[in-house]
């Protein structure tokens, strides 16, 4: 068993801690607030906790679970306390700018992104097994140390996750399509519904909203801070995805305007046939 440090005890950090402590690892958690550290201890997500970055000393593997825009600064602040040979990784959903910046600070770094989450945020909603059967992406580069990659990969595999490896830039383009774009589409759906001018009709729509609307609006009801960080730090890839999505909506709108029902049916059939390629590993 290893001594593992988790910096940032929100949803992902908390879930990692729960799984790793149950597996027998010694897990030290570091949070910004003493109250969060105490809550993580009470929850059993860590075996030791506090607010001092010096607690990372002696850790063999360090997970940075802070927001996207603070990962690099956190890594820089940790370096003076890291033990020789310690491996550092992160869980941010954008990798292109983060990976080379942290590699320059600490050579034993492996970019990581567990593709799991909830609409709710924070330690209070952490749970065991969140990563099981979900993709866990590692983003090695030419500078990545092989032994560091193996160690992080072994921990991710122990969570029951499905390991995937790709270059940081490939990661960002892919998640723009299947993670970041859905947040923007889902939130736009919610706000579009709010444009109904008749208050009675709007109230009726809200009362009638069932599983279909719940499914398509779920990620749009998530944490605004996270969605904003996705847009800010993966701007180029997300803009390209949004442009293609607008074009697809325009195509459907044109078909419906023209009363081309065969065209609508063909488009929806294509979507139906394509969807399994994206969701084949998930519970439907």
Protein backbone atom coordinates (compact mmCIF):
# COMPACT_ATOMS: atom_id res chain seq x y z
CA UNK A 1 0.00 0.00 0.00
CA UNK A 2 1.14 3.54 -0.74
CA UNK A 3 0.98 6.88 0.99
CA UNK A 4 -1.17 9.03 -1.26
CA UNK A 5 -1.91 12.75 -0.96
CA UNK A 6 -5.04 14.40 -2.34
CA UNK A 7 -4.98 18.17 -2.78
CA UNK A 8 -8.53 19.47 -2.98
CA UNK A 9 -11.33 17.63 -1.20
CA UNK A 10 -14.33 18.33 -3.39
CA UNK A 11 -16.40 15.71 -5.21
CA UNK A 12 -13.57 14.07 -7.16
CA UNK A 13 -11.00 14.33 -4.38
CA UNK A 14 -13.51 12.97 -1.90
CA UNK A 15 -14.48 10.05 -4.13
CA UNK A 16 -10.83 9.20 -4.75
CA UNK A 17 -10.19 9.28 -1.03
CA UNK A 18 -13.11 7.01 -0.22
CA UNK A 19 -11.97 4.40 -2.72
CA UNK A 20 -8.29 4.60 -1.83
CA UNK A 21 -8.75 4.43 1.93
CA UNK A 22 -11.04 1.41 1.51
CA UNK A 23 -8.28 -0.20 -0.54
CA UNK A 24 -5.91 0.17 2.41
CA UNK A 25 -3.83 3.12 1.29
CA UNK A 26 -2.72 5.81 3.72
CA UNK A 27 -4.43 8.92 2.37
CA UNK A 28 -3.63 12.45 3.48
CA UNK A 29 -6.07 15.11 2.35
CA UNK A 30 -5.27 18.80 2.05
CA UNK A 31 -8.06 21.36 1.75
CA UNK A 32 -8.30 25.16 1.78
CA UNK A 33 -10.57 25.14 4.82
CA UNK A 34 -10.08 23.32 8.09
CA UNK A 35 -13.79 22.50 8.13
CA UNK A 36 -13.46 20.57 4.86
CA UNK A 37 -10.46 18.66 6.16
CA UNK A 38 -12.37 17.71 9.29
CA UNK A 39 -15.38 16.63 7.26
CA UNK A 40 -13.20 14.41 5.06
CA UNK A 41 -11.81 12.71 8.16
CA UNK A 42 -15.29 12.19 9.56
CA UNK A 43 -16.46 10.76 6.24
CA UNK A 44 -13.56 8.33 6.10
CA UNK A 45 -12.30 9.76 2.84
CA UNK A 46 -8.82 10.31 4.30
CA UNK A 47 -6.72 8.95 7.12
CA UNK A 48 -5.08 12.32 7.83
CA UNK A 49 -6.10 15.82 6.83
CA UNK A 50 -5.26 19.48 7.19
CA UNK A 51 -4.71 22.74 5.34
CA UNK A 52 -0.90 22.84 5.25
CA UNK A 53 0.71 21.82 1.95
CA UNK A 54 3.67 20.52 3.95
CA UNK A 55 1.51 17.50 4.78
CA UNK A 56 2.33 16.22 1.30
CA UNK A 57 5.84 15.35 2.48
CA UNK A 58 6.43 11.60 2.31
CA UNK A 59 3.60 10.96 -0.14
CA UNK A 60 4.51 8.59 -2.95
CA UNK A 61 1.69 9.69 -5.25
CA UNK A 62 0.00 13.11 -5.22
CA UNK A 63 -3.38 13.84 -6.82
CA UNK A 64 -4.17 17.50 -7.54
CA UNK A 65 -7.96 17.76 -7.45
CA UNK A 66 -8.31 21.54 -7.50
CA UNK A 67 -10.22 23.57 -10.13
CA UNK A 68 -8.70 23.71 -13.63
CA UNK A 69 -7.35 27.23 -13.24
CA UNK A 70 -5.40 26.47 -10.05
CA UNK A 71 -3.73 23.16 -10.96
CA UNK A 72 -0.45 24.67 -12.18
CA UNK A 73 -0.16 27.10 -9.27
CA UNK A 74 -0.93 24.30 -6.83
CA UNK A 75 1.74 22.08 -8.38
CA UNK A 76 4.28 24.88 -8.11
CA UNK A 77 3.42 25.41 -4.45
CA UNK A 78 3.77 21.68 -3.74
CA UNK A 79 7.21 21.19 -5.29
CA UNK A 80 9.23 22.30 -2.22
CA UNK A 81 7.51 19.65 -0.09
CA UNK A 82 7.58 16.69 -2.47
CA UNK A 83 9.75 13.70 -1.71
CA UNK A 84 12.29 12.58 -4.29
CA UNK A 85 10.61 10.06 -6.56
CA UNK A 86 7.09 11.22 -5.77
CA UNK A 87 4.68 10.99 -8.68
CA UNK A 88 2.23 13.83 -9.30
CA UNK A 89 -1.00 13.67 -11.28
CA UNK A 90 -4.17 15.72 -11.67
CA UNK A 91 -7.84 15.22 -12.53
CA UNK A 92 -8.59 18.35 -14.58
CA UNK A 93 -10.89 18.06 -17.60
CA UNK A 94 -8.53 20.16 -19.77
CA UNK A 95 -4.97 18.99 -20.38
CA UNK A 96 -3.37 20.95 -23.23
CA UNK A 97 -2.02 23.86 -21.21
CA UNK A 98 -1.70 22.07 -17.87
CA UNK A 99 0.47 19.09 -18.79
CA UNK A 100 3.53 20.89 -20.24
CA UNK A 101 3.39 23.55 -17.51
CA UNK A 102 3.44 21.01 -14.67
CA UNK A 103 5.98 18.76 -16.41
CA UNK A 104 8.34 21.74 -16.39
CA UNK A 105 7.87 22.01 -12.62
CA UNK A 106 8.02 18.30 -11.73
CA UNK A 107 9.24 15.70 -14.26
CA UNK A 108 7.37 12.83 -12.57
CA UNK A 109 3.97 14.16 -13.63
CA UNK A 110 1.22 12.32 -15.45
CA UNK A 111 -1.84 14.18 -16.70
CA UNK A 112 -5.08 12.45 -15.77
CA UNK A 113 -8.83 12.87 -16.13
CA UNK A 114 -11.39 10.52 -14.60
CA UNK A 115 -14.51 10.82 -16.76
CA UNK A 116 -17.01 10.69 -13.92
CA UNK A 117 -18.95 13.21 -11.92
CA UNK A 118 -22.28 14.50 -10.69
CA UNK A 119 -24.38 17.59 -11.23
CA UNK A 120 -23.81 18.40 -7.56
CA UNK A 121 -20.42 19.53 -6.31
CA UNK A 122 -18.54 19.19 -3.07
CA UNK A 123 -17.36 16.63 -0.55
CA UNK A 124 -20.87 16.12 0.82
CA UNK A 125 -21.95 14.22 -2.30
CA UNK A 126 -18.81 12.06 -2.58
CA UNK A 127 -19.47 8.33 -2.86
CA UNK A 128 -17.68 5.02 -3.21
CA UNK A 129 -17.24 3.55 -6.66
CA UNK A 130 -17.85 6.69 -8.72
CA UNK A 131 -15.07 5.76 -11.15
CA UNK A 132 -15.98 2.10 -11.62
CA UNK A 133 -16.55 1.22 -15.29
CA UNK A 134 -15.95 4.83 -16.33
CA UNK A 135 -13.11 6.02 -18.59
CA UNK A 136 -9.99 7.27 -16.82
CA UNK A 137 -7.79 9.12 -19.31
CA UNK A 138 -4.03 9.42 -18.91
CA UNK A 139 -2.27 11.91 -21.19
CA UNK A 140 1.43 11.04 -21.42
CA UNK A 141 3.82 13.02 -23.59
CA UNK A 142 7.34 12.41 -24.85
CA UNK A 143 8.57 13.75 -21.50
CA UNK A 144 6.47 11.42 -19.32
CA UNK A 145 8.50 9.01 -17.23
CA UNK A 146 7.41 5.41 -17.92
CA UNK A 147 7.47 4.34 -14.26
CA UNK A 148 5.29 7.32 -13.28
CA UNK A 149 2.77 6.39 -15.97
CA UNK A 150 2.66 2.80 -14.73
CA UNK A 151 2.08 3.86 -11.11
CA UNK A 152 -0.76 6.25 -11.88
CA UNK A 153 -2.28 3.75 -14.28
CA UNK A 154 -2.20 1.03 -11.62
CA UNK A 155 -4.07 3.25 -9.14
CA UNK A 156 -6.67 4.21 -11.74
CA UNK A 157 -7.16 0.56 -12.66
CA UNK A 158 -7.59 -0.33 -8.98
CA UNK A 159 -10.59 2.03 -8.91
CA UNK A 160 -12.30 -0.21 -11.45
CA UNK A 161 -11.97 2.45 -14.15
CA UNK A 162 -11.39 1.78 -17.85
CA UNK A 163 -7.94 3.12 -18.72
CA UNK A 164 -7.39 5.18 -21.86
CA UNK A 165 -4.25 6.96 -23.08
CA UNK A 166 -3.92 9.83 -25.54
CA UNK A 167 -1.97 13.03 -26.14
CA UNK A 168 -3.17 16.09 -24.15
CA UNK A 169 -4.29 17.91 -27.31
CA UNK A 170 -6.24 14.87 -28.53
CA UNK A 171 -7.89 14.67 -25.12
CA UNK A 172 -9.04 18.29 -25.25
CA UNK A 173 -10.55 17.93 -28.73
CA UNK A 174 -12.38 14.75 -27.74
CA UNK A 175 -13.81 16.05 -24.46
CA UNK A 176 -14.95 19.23 -26.19
CA UNK A 177 -17.39 17.03 -28.11
CA UNK A 178 -18.62 14.64 -25.42
CA UNK A 179 -18.24 16.64 -22.20
CA UNK A 180 -17.89 20.36 -22.69
CA UNK A 181 -20.31 20.78 -25.62
CA UNK A 182 -23.09 18.89 -23.78
CA UNK A 183 -22.83 21.31 -20.86
CA UNK A 184 -23.35 24.27 -23.18
CA UNK A 185 -26.12 22.53 -25.15
CA UNK A 186 -27.91 21.39 -22.02
CA UNK A 187 -27.79 24.80 -20.37
CA UNK A 188 -29.01 26.39 -23.61
CA UNK A 189 -31.94 23.98 -23.69
CA UNK A 190 -33.00 25.05 -20.20
CA UNK A 191 -32.71 28.75 -21.06
CA UNK A 192 -34.51 28.27 -24.39
CA UNK A 193 -37.49 26.77 -22.55
CA UNK A 194 -37.53 29.85 -20.35
CA UNK A 195 -38.24 31.94 -23.46
CA UNK A 196 -41.85 30.73 -23.54
CA UNK A 197 -43.74 34.06 -23.19
CA UNK A 198 -46.95 32.62 -21.74
CA UNK A 199 -46.51 32.05 -18.01
CA UNK A 200 -49.24 29.42 -17.90
CA UNK A 201 -47.65 27.44 -20.75
CA UNK A 202 -44.24 27.71 -19.12
CA UNK A 203 -45.64 26.42 -15.82
CA UNK A 204 -47.34 23.56 -17.67
CA UNK A 205 -44.10 22.64 -19.44
CA UNK A 206 -42.27 22.59 -16.12
CA UNK A 207 -44.97 20.39 -14.60
CA UNK A 208 -44.85 17.98 -17.55
CA UNK A 209 -41.05 17.70 -17.70
CA UNK A 210 -40.15 14.04 -17.23
CA UNK A 211 -37.24 11.68 -17.84
CA UNK A 212 -36.43 12.94 -21.34
CA UNK A 213 -36.00 16.51 -20.19
CA UNK A 214 -34.23 15.40 -17.03
CA UNK A 215 -31.68 13.41 -19.06
CA UNK A 216 -30.96 16.16 -21.58
CA UNK A 217 -30.85 18.99 -19.02
CA UNK A 218 -28.85 17.26 -16.28
CA UNK A 219 -25.37 18.56 -17.08
CA UNK A 220 -26.77 22.02 -17.82
CA UNK A 221 -27.92 22.15 -14.22
CA UNK A 222 -24.41 21.52 -12.95
CA UNK A 223 -21.89 23.82 -11.31
CA UNK A 224 -21.53 27.10 -13.28
CA UNK A 225 -17.94 27.53 -12.12
CA UNK A 226 -16.90 24.24 -13.73
CA UNK A 227 -18.69 24.99 -17.00
CA UNK A 228 -17.06 28.41 -17.19
CA UNK A 229 -13.62 26.88 -16.62
CA UNK A 230 -14.26 24.33 -19.37
CA UNK A 231 -15.13 27.13 -21.80
CA UNK A 232 -12.23 29.31 -20.77
CA UNK A 233 -9.51 26.67 -20.85
CA UNK A 234 -10.73 24.63 -23.81
CA UNK A 235 -12.00 27.60 -25.80
CA UNK A 236 -10.72 26.73 -29.29
CA UNK A 237 -11.95 23.13 -29.34
CA UNK A 238 -15.27 24.06 -27.74
CA UNK A 239 -15.92 26.86 -30.25
CA UNK A 240 -15.31 24.43 -33.11
CA UNK A 241 -17.74 21.93 -31.57
CA UNK A 242 -20.37 24.62 -31.01
CA UNK A 243 -20.06 25.72 -34.64
CA UNK A 244 -20.71 22.19 -35.90
CA UNK A 245 -23.62 21.81 -33.49
CA UNK A 246 -25.17 25.05 -34.76
CA UNK A 247 -24.81 23.74 -38.31
CA UNK A 248 -26.56 20.49 -37.38
CA UNK A 249 -29.42 22.39 -35.73
CA UNK A 250 -29.67 24.58 -38.82
CA UNK A 251 -29.91 21.49 -41.02
CA UNK A 252 -32.78 20.08 -38.93
CA UNK A 253 -34.52 23.45 -38.89
CA UNK A 254 -34.31 23.68 -42.68
CA UNK A 255 -35.75 20.17 -43.09
CA UNK A 256 -38.68 20.93 -40.81
CA UNK A 257 -39.30 24.30 -42.47
CA UNK A 258 -39.42 22.55 -45.84
CA UNK A 259 -41.71 19.84 -44.41
CA UNK A 260 -39.14 17.30 -45.56
CA UNK A 261 -40.28 14.53 -43.24
CA UNK A 262 -38.21 11.91 -45.03
CA UNK A 263 -35.15 14.06 -44.42
CA UNK A 264 -36.04 14.46 -40.74
CA UNK A 265 -36.56 10.70 -40.42
CA UNK A 266 -33.26 10.01 -42.15
CA UNK A 267 -31.41 12.40 -39.83
CA UNK A 268 -32.97 10.93 -36.69
CA UNK A 269 -32.28 7.40 -37.93
CA UNK A 270 -28.64 8.28 -38.44
CA UNK A 271 -28.49 9.62 -34.88
CA UNK A 272 -30.18 6.49 -33.52
CA UNK A 273 -27.71 4.22 -35.31
CA UNK A 274 -24.69 6.27 -34.25
CA UNK A 275 -25.47 6.68 -30.54
CA UNK A 276 -24.35 3.17 -29.41
CA UNK A 277 -20.78 4.00 -30.42
CA UNK A 278 -20.75 6.66 -27.68
CA UNK A 279 -22.67 4.89 -24.92
CA UNK A 280 -21.82 1.21 -25.35
CA UNK A 281 -19.90 1.06 -22.07
CA UNK A 282 -22.49 2.93 -20.03
CA UNK A 283 -25.69 1.82 -18.39
CA UNK A 284 -28.60 2.93 -20.56
